[in-house]
Amino acid sequence: MTIATVAQHFEAYMLKALLEGEDIPVFLQDELFTQLYACLGGIKIQVPATDAEKAHKILVENGHTLN
């Protein structure tokens, strides 16, 4: 389930590390394509649906604006 979309790779990796530090598995969808084609809409931060609410709460508590 996509919980956020970011434009920059460094931000995607930062969010991934934050969530994985809380034992939430993370998949970065469109990570490679955005290196080649920036117009694709960004890197999608995805987590299992069962962890989505917890992941969203962690990101908000850490000051991340979610779109």
PDB file of N, CA and C in Angstrom:
ATOM      1  N   MET A   1       0.850  -1.160   0.000  1.00  0.00           N
ATOM      2  CA  MET A   1       0.000   0.000   0.000  1.00  0.00           C
ATOM      3  C   MET A   1       0.905   1.236   0.000  1.00  0.00           C
ATOM      4  N   THR A   2       0.623   2.186  -0.875  1.00  0.00           N
ATOM      5  CA  THR A   2       1.406   3.424  -0.943  1.00  0.00           C
ATOM      6  C   THR A   2       0.971   4.370   0.171  1.00  0.00           C
ATOM      7  N   ILE A   3       1.933   4.796   0.991  1.00  0.00           N
ATOM      8  CA  ILE A   3       1.606   5.723   2.081  1.00  0.00           C
ATOM      9  C   ILE A   3       2.177   7.117   1.839  1.00  0.00           C
ATOM     10  N   ALA A   4       3.103   7.237   0.884  1.00  0.00           N
ATOM     11  CA  ALA A   4       3.684   8.543   0.571  1.00  0.00           C
ATOM     12  C   ALA A   4       4.350   8.473  -0.792  1.00  0.00           C
ATOM     13  N   THR A   5       4.516   9.635  -1.406  1.00  0.00           N
ATOM     14  CA  THR A   5       5.249   9.752  -2.654  1.00  0.00           C
ATOM     15  C   THR A   5       6.225  10.906  -2.502  1.00  0.00           C
ATOM     16  N   VAL A   6       7.481  10.654  -2.847  1.00  0.00           N
ATOM     17  CA  VAL A   6       8.513  11.679  -2.726  1.00  0.00           C
ATOM     18  C   VAL A   6       9.237  11.840  -4.059  1.00  0.00           C
ATOM     19  N   ALA A   7       9.806  13.004  -4.274  1.00  0.00           N
ATOM     20  CA  ALA A   7      10.485  13.280  -5.534  1.00  0.00           C
ATOM     21  C   ALA A   7      11.973  12.935  -5.487  1.00  0.00           C
ATOM     22  N   GLN A   8      12.566  13.001  -4.328  1.00  0.00           N
ATOM     23  CA  GLN A   8      14.017  12.840  -4.198  1.00  0.00           C
ATOM     24  C   GLN A   8      14.388  11.467  -3.635  1.00  0.00           C
ATOM     25  N   HIS A   9      15.456  10.906  -4.187  1.00  0.00           N
ATOM     26  CA  HIS A   9      15.902   9.594  -3.720  1.00  0.00           C
ATOM     27  C   HIS A   9      16.358   9.625  -2.264  1.00  0.00           C
ATOM     28  N   PHE A  10      17.060  10.692  -1.871  1.00  0.00           N
ATOM     29  CA  PHE A  10      17.543  10.752  -0.494  1.00  0.00           C
ATOM     30  C   PHE A  10      16.385  10.722   0.497  1.00  0.00           C
ATOM     31  N   GLU A  11      15.275  11.365   0.151  1.00  0.00           N
ATOM     32  CA  GLU A  11      14.116  11.372   1.041  1.00  0.00           C
ATOM     33  C   GLU A  11      13.477   9.987   1.108  1.00  0.00           C
ATOM     34  N   ALA A  12      13.415   9.303  -0.028  1.00  0.00           N
ATOM     35  CA  ALA A  12      12.863   7.949  -0.059  1.00  0.00           C
ATOM     36  C   ALA A  12      13.678   7.018   0.838  1.00  0.00           C
ATOM     37  N   TYR A  13      15.006   7.115   0.733  1.00  0.00           N
ATOM     38  CA  TYR A  13      15.860   6.250   1.553  1.00  0.00           C
ATOM     39  C   TYR A  13      15.788   6.606   3.032  1.00  0.00           C
ATOM     40  N   MET A  14      15.612   7.883   3.334  1.00  0.00           N
ATOM     41  CA  MET A  14      15.479   8.311   4.716  1.00  0.00           C
ATOM     42  C   MET A  14      14.190   7.743   5.328  1.00  0.00           C
ATOM     43  N   LEU A  15      13.084   7.844   4.584  1.00  0.00           N
ATOM     44  CA  LEU A  15      11.813   7.309   5.080  1.00  0.00           C
ATOM     45  C   LEU A  15      11.864   5.793   5.196  1.00  0.00           C
ATOM     46  N   LYS A  16      12.497   5.158   4.230  1.00  0.00           N
ATOM     47  CA  LYS A  16      12.641   3.699   4.270  1.00  0.00           C
ATOM     48  C   LYS A  16      13.403   3.273   5.521  1.00  0.00           C
ATOM     49  N   ALA A  17      14.513   3.940   5.810  1.00  0.00           N
ATOM     50  CA  ALA A  17      15.306   3.604   6.994  1.00  0.00           C
ATOM     51  C   ALA A  17      14.517   3.828   8.279  1.00  0.00           C
ATOM     52  N   LEU A  18      13.768   4.927   8.329  1.00  0.00           N
ATOM     53  CA  LEU A  18      12.949   5.228   9.508  1.00  0.00           C
ATOM     54  C   LEU A  18      11.936   4.121   9.767  1.00  0.00           C
ATOM     55  N   LEU A  19      11.224   3.705   8.711  1.00  0.00           N
ATOM     56  CA  LEU A  19      10.193   2.680   8.872  1.00  0.00           C
ATOM     57  C   LEU A  19      10.791   1.296   9.132  1.00  0.00           C
ATOM     58  N   GLU A  20      11.859   0.971   8.448  1.00  0.00           N
ATOM     59  CA  GLU A  20      12.492  -0.334   8.688  1.00  0.00           C
ATOM     60  C   GLU A  20      13.070  -0.413  10.092  1.00  0.00           C
ATOM     61  N   GLY A  21      13.467   0.737  10.650  1.00  0.00           N
ATOM     62  CA  GLY A  21      13.926   0.782  12.038  1.00  0.00           C
ATOM     63  C   GLY A  21      12.820   0.448  13.021  1.00  0.00           C
ATOM     64  N   GLU A  22      11.583   0.561  12.569  1.00  0.00           N
ATOM     65  CA  GLU A  22      10.400   0.211  13.378  1.00  0.00           C
ATOM     66  C   GLU A  22       9.839  -1.154  12.957  1.00  0.00           C
ATOM     67  N   ASP A  23      10.647  -1.936  12.251  1.00  0.00           N
ATOM     68  CA  ASP A  23      10.282  -3.288  11.795  1.00  0.00           C
ATOM     69  C   ASP A  23       9.117  -3.307  10.805  1.00  0.00           C
ATOM     70  N   ILE A  24       9.030  -2.278   9.990  1.00  0.00           N
ATOM     71  CA  ILE A  24       8.017  -2.230   8.937  1.00  0.00           C
ATOM     72  C   ILE A  24       8.729  -2.426   7.601  1.00  0.00           C
ATOM     73  N   PRO A  25       8.416  -3.483   6.869  1.00  0.00           N
ATOM     74  CA  PRO A  25       9.040  -3.675   5.558  1.00  0.00           C
ATOM     75  C   PRO A  25       8.597  -2.602   4.579  1.00  0.00           C
ATOM     76  N   VAL A  26       9.534  -2.129   3.761  1.00  0.00           N
ATOM     77  CA  VAL A  26       9.261  -1.030   2.832  1.00  0.00           C
ATOM     78  C   VAL A  26       9.706  -1.416   1.427  1.00  0.00           C
ATOM     79  N   PHE A  27       8.888  -1.057   0.456  1.00  0.00           N
ATOM     80  CA  PHE A  27       9.234  -1.221  -0.954  1.00  0.00           C
ATOM     81  C   PHE A  27       9.169   0.158  -1.605  1.00  0.00           C
ATOM     82  N   LEU A  28      10.187   0.503  -2.378  1.00  0.00           N
ATOM     83  CA  LEU A  28      10.209   1.778  -3.083  1.00  0.00           C
ATOM     84  C   LEU A  28       9.829   1.539  -4.538  1.00  0.00           C
ATOM     85  N   GLN A  29       8.585   1.836  -4.867  1.00  0.00           N
ATOM     86  CA  GLN A  29       8.099   1.630  -6.232  1.00  0.00           C
ATOM     87  C   GLN A  29       8.524   2.799  -7.115  1.00  0.00           C
ATOM     88  N   ASP A  30       8.917   2.493  -8.337  1.00  0.00           N
ATOM     89  CA  ASP A  30       9.356   3.466  -9.343  1.00  0.00           C
ATOM     90  C   ASP A  30      10.693   4.114  -8.992  1.00  0.00           C
ATOM     91  N   GLU A  31      11.442   3.512  -8.074  1.00  0.00           N
ATOM     92  CA  GLU A  31      12.735   4.054  -7.663  1.00  0.00           C
ATOM     93  C   GLU A  31      13.708   4.165  -8.847  1.00  0.00           C
ATOM     94  N   LEU A  32      13.834   3.117  -9.615  1.00  0.00           N
ATOM     95  CA  LEU A  32      14.780   3.127 -10.727  1.00  0.00           C
ATOM     96  C   LEU A  32      14.304   3.982 -11.887  1.00  0.00           C
ATOM     97  N   PHE A  33      13.014   3.935 -12.172  1.00  0.00           N
ATOM     98  CA  PHE A  33      12.485   4.705 -13.291  1.00  0.00           C
ATOM     99  C   PHE A  33      12.618   6.203 -13.069  1.00  0.00           C
ATOM    100  N   THR A  34      12.507   6.660 -11.826  1.00  0.00           N
ATOM    101  CA  THR A  34      12.606   8.096 -11.576  1.00  0.00           C
ATOM    102  C   THR A  34      14.035   8.592 -11.740  1.00  0.00           C
ATOM    103  N   GLN A  35      15.005   7.692 -11.697  1.00  0.00           N
ATOM    104  CA  GLN A  35      16.381   8.103 -11.985  1.00  0.00           C
ATOM    105  C   GLN A  35      16.515   8.464 -13.459  1.00  0.00           C
ATOM    106  N   LEU A  36      15.735   7.799 -14.300  1.00  0.00           N
ATOM    107  CA  LEU A  36      15.795   8.043 -15.740  1.00  0.00           C
ATOM    108  C   LEU A  36      14.746   9.041 -16.209  1.00  0.00           C
ATOM    109  N   TYR A  37      13.568   8.965 -15.622  1.00  0.00           N
ATOM    110  CA  TYR A  37      12.438   9.777 -16.072  1.00  0.00           C
ATOM    111  C   TYR A  37      11.801  10.476 -14.876  1.00  0.00           C
ATOM    112  N   ALA A  38      12.235  11.683 -14.591  1.00  0.00           N
ATOM    113  CA  ALA A  38      11.747  12.413 -13.417  1.00  0.00           C
ATOM    114  C   ALA A  38      10.260  12.741 -13.507  1.00  0.00           C
ATOM    115  N   CYS A  39       9.691  12.674 -14.698  1.00  0.00           N
ATOM    116  CA  CYS A  39       8.286  13.056 -14.883  1.00  0.00           C
ATOM    117  C   CYS A  39       7.300  11.967 -14.460  1.00  0.00           C
ATOM    118  N   LEU A  40       7.769  10.851 -13.932  1.00  0.00           N
ATOM    119  CA  LEU A  40       6.874   9.742 -13.593  1.00  0.00           C
ATOM    120  C   LEU A  40       6.033   9.987 -12.344  1.00  0.00           C
ATOM    121  N   GLY A  41       6.292  11.017 -11.608  1.00  0.00           N
ATOM    122  CA  GLY A  41       5.454  11.302 -10.455  1.00  0.00           C
ATOM    123  C   GLY A  41       6.080  10.966  -9.120  1.00  0.00           C
ATOM    124  N   GLY A  42       7.313  10.554  -9.099  1.00  0.00           N
ATOM    125  CA  GLY A  42       8.003  10.329  -7.842  1.00  0.00           C
ATOM    126  C   GLY A  42       8.117   8.876  -7.425  1.00  0.00           C
ATOM    127  N   ILE A  43       8.787   8.706  -6.308  1.00  0.00           N
ATOM    128  CA  ILE A  43       9.025   7.387  -5.729  1.00  0.00           C
ATOM    129  C   ILE A  43       7.934   7.125  -4.705  1.00  0.00           C
ATOM    130  N   LYS A  44       7.271   6.011  -4.847  1.00  0.00           N
ATOM    131  CA  LYS A  44       6.181   5.663  -3.937  1.00  0.00           C
ATOM    132  C   LYS A  44       6.726   4.819  -2.787  1.00  0.00           C
ATOM    133  N   ILE A  45       6.438   5.247  -1.568  1.00  0.00           N
ATOM    134  CA  ILE A  45       6.821   4.515  -0.368  1.00  0.00           C
ATOM    135  C   ILE A  45       5.685   3.552  -0.070  1.00  0.00           C
ATOM    136  N   GLN A  46       5.964   2.260  -0.164  1.00  0.00           N
ATOM    137  CA  GLN A  46       4.916   1.260   0.025  1.00  0.00           C
ATOM    138  C   GLN A  46       5.239   0.342   1.201  1.00  0.00           C
ATOM    139  N   VAL A  47       4.199  -0.003   1.946  1.00  0.00           N
ATOM    140  CA  VAL A  47       4.290  -0.912   3.082  1.00  0.00           C
ATOM    141  C   VAL A  47       3.124  -1.897   3.000  1.00  0.00           C
ATOM    142  N   PRO A  48       3.224  -3.030   3.705  1.00  0.00           N
ATOM    143  CA  PRO A  48       2.074  -3.936   3.739  1.00  0.00           C
ATOM    144  C   PRO A  48       0.847  -3.223   4.325  1.00  0.00           C
ATOM    145  N   ALA A  49      -0.309  -3.552   3.814  1.00  0.00           N
ATOM    146  CA  ALA A  49      -1.549  -2.914   4.271  1.00  0.00           C
ATOM    147  C   ALA A  49      -1.727  -3.031   5.782  1.00  0.00           C
ATOM    148  N   THR A  50      -1.266  -4.125   6.351  1.00  0.00           N
ATOM    149  CA  THR A  50      -1.412  -4.326   7.801  1.00  0.00           C
ATOM    150  C   THR A  50      -0.544  -3.367   8.611  1.00  0.00           C
ATOM    151  N   ASP A  51       0.478  -2.778   7.979  1.00  0.00           N
ATOM    152  CA  ASP A  51       1.368  -1.843   8.669  1.00  0.00           C
ATOM    153  C   ASP A  51       1.128  -0.392   8.268  1.00  0.00           C
ATOM    154  N   ALA A  52       0.192  -0.132   7.371  1.00  0.00           N
ATOM    155  CA  ALA A  52       0.004   1.205   6.807  1.00  0.00           C
ATOM    156  C   ALA A  52      -0.337   2.249   7.871  1.00  0.00           C
ATOM    157  N   GLU A  53      -1.239   1.941   8.753  1.00  0.00           N
ATOM    158  CA  GLU A  53      -1.639   2.916   9.774  1.00  0.00           C
ATOM    159  C   GLU A  53      -0.473   3.248  10.702  1.00  0.00           C
ATOM    160  N   LYS A  54       0.252   2.231  11.133  1.00  0.00           N
ATOM    161  CA  LYS A  54       1.414   2.424  12.003  1.00  0.00           C
ATOM    162  C   LYS A  54       2.483   3.244  11.271  1.00  0.00           C
ATOM    163  N   ALA A  55       2.738   2.920  10.009  1.00  0.00           N
ATOM    164  CA  ALA A  55       3.748   3.630   9.224  1.00  0.00           C
ATOM    165  C   ALA A  55       3.361   5.094   9.045  1.00  0.00           C
ATOM    166  N   HIS A  56       2.112   5.344   8.737  1.00  0.00           N
ATOM    167  CA  HIS A  56       1.628   6.714   8.563  1.00  0.00           C
ATOM    168  C   HIS A  56       1.837   7.508   9.849  1.00  0.00           C
ATOM    169  N   LYS A  57       1.493   6.919  10.969  1.00  0.00           N
ATOM    170  CA  LYS A  57       1.637   7.583  12.262  1.00  0.00           C
ATOM    171  C   LYS A  57       3.105   7.909  12.543  1.00  0.00           C
ATOM    172  N   ILE A  58       4.004   6.982  12.250  1.00  0.00           N
ATOM    173  CA  ILE A  58       5.432   7.202  12.471  1.00  0.00           C
ATOM    174  C   ILE A  58       5.940   8.365  11.628  1.00  0.00           C
ATOM    175  N   LEU A  59       5.542   8.399  10.374  1.00  0.00           N
ATOM    176  CA  LEU A  59       6.000   9.474   9.497  1.00  0.00           C
ATOM    177  C   LEU A  59       5.485  10.835   9.949  1.00  0.00           C
ATOM    178  N   VAL A  60       4.213  10.895  10.327  1.00  0.00           N
ATOM    179  CA  VAL A  60       3.633  12.156  10.803  1.00  0.00           C
ATOM    180  C   VAL A  60       4.307  12.601  12.093  1.00  0.00           C
ATOM    181  N   GLU A  61       4.529  11.679  13.019  1.00  0.00           N
ATOM    182  CA  GLU A  61       5.177  12.005  14.291  1.00  0.00           C
ATOM    183  C   GLU A  61       6.596  12.523  14.085  1.00  0.00           C
ATOM    184  N   ASN A  62       7.227  12.141  12.991  1.00  0.00           N
ATOM    185  CA  ASN A  62       8.582  12.575  12.693  1.00  0.00           C
ATOM    186  C   ASN A  62       8.614  13.777  11.753  1.00  0.00           C
ATOM    187  N   GLY A  63       7.472  14.423  11.583  1.00  0.00           N
ATOM    188  CA  GLY A  63       7.413  15.686  10.858  1.00  0.00           C
ATOM    189  C   GLY A  63       7.370  15.616   9.349  1.00  0.00           C
ATOM    190  N   HIS A  64       7.011  14.469   8.806  1.00  0.00           N
ATOM    191  CA  HIS A  64       6.952  14.327   7.363  1.00  0.00           C
ATOM    192  C   HIS A  64       5.546  14.639   6.846  1.00  0.00           C
ATOM    193  N   THR A  65       5.494  15.479   5.843  1.00  0.00           N
ATOM    194  CA  THR A  65       4.227  15.799   5.199  1.00  0.00           C
ATOM    195  C   THR A  65       3.941  14.722   4.176  1.00  0.00           C
ATOM    196  N   LEU A  66       2.792  14.113   4.256  1.00  0.00           N
ATOM    197  CA  LEU A  66       2.445  13.010   3.354  1.00  0.00           C
ATOM    198  C   LEU A  66       1.504  13.500   2.281  1.00  0.00           C
ATOM    199  N   ASN A  67       1.722  12.996   1.074  1.00  0.00           N
ATOM    200  CA  ASN A  67       0.834  13.345  -0.047  1.00  0.00           C
ATOM    201  C   ASN A  67       0.246  12.109  -0.644  1.00  0.00           C
TER     202      ASN A  67
END
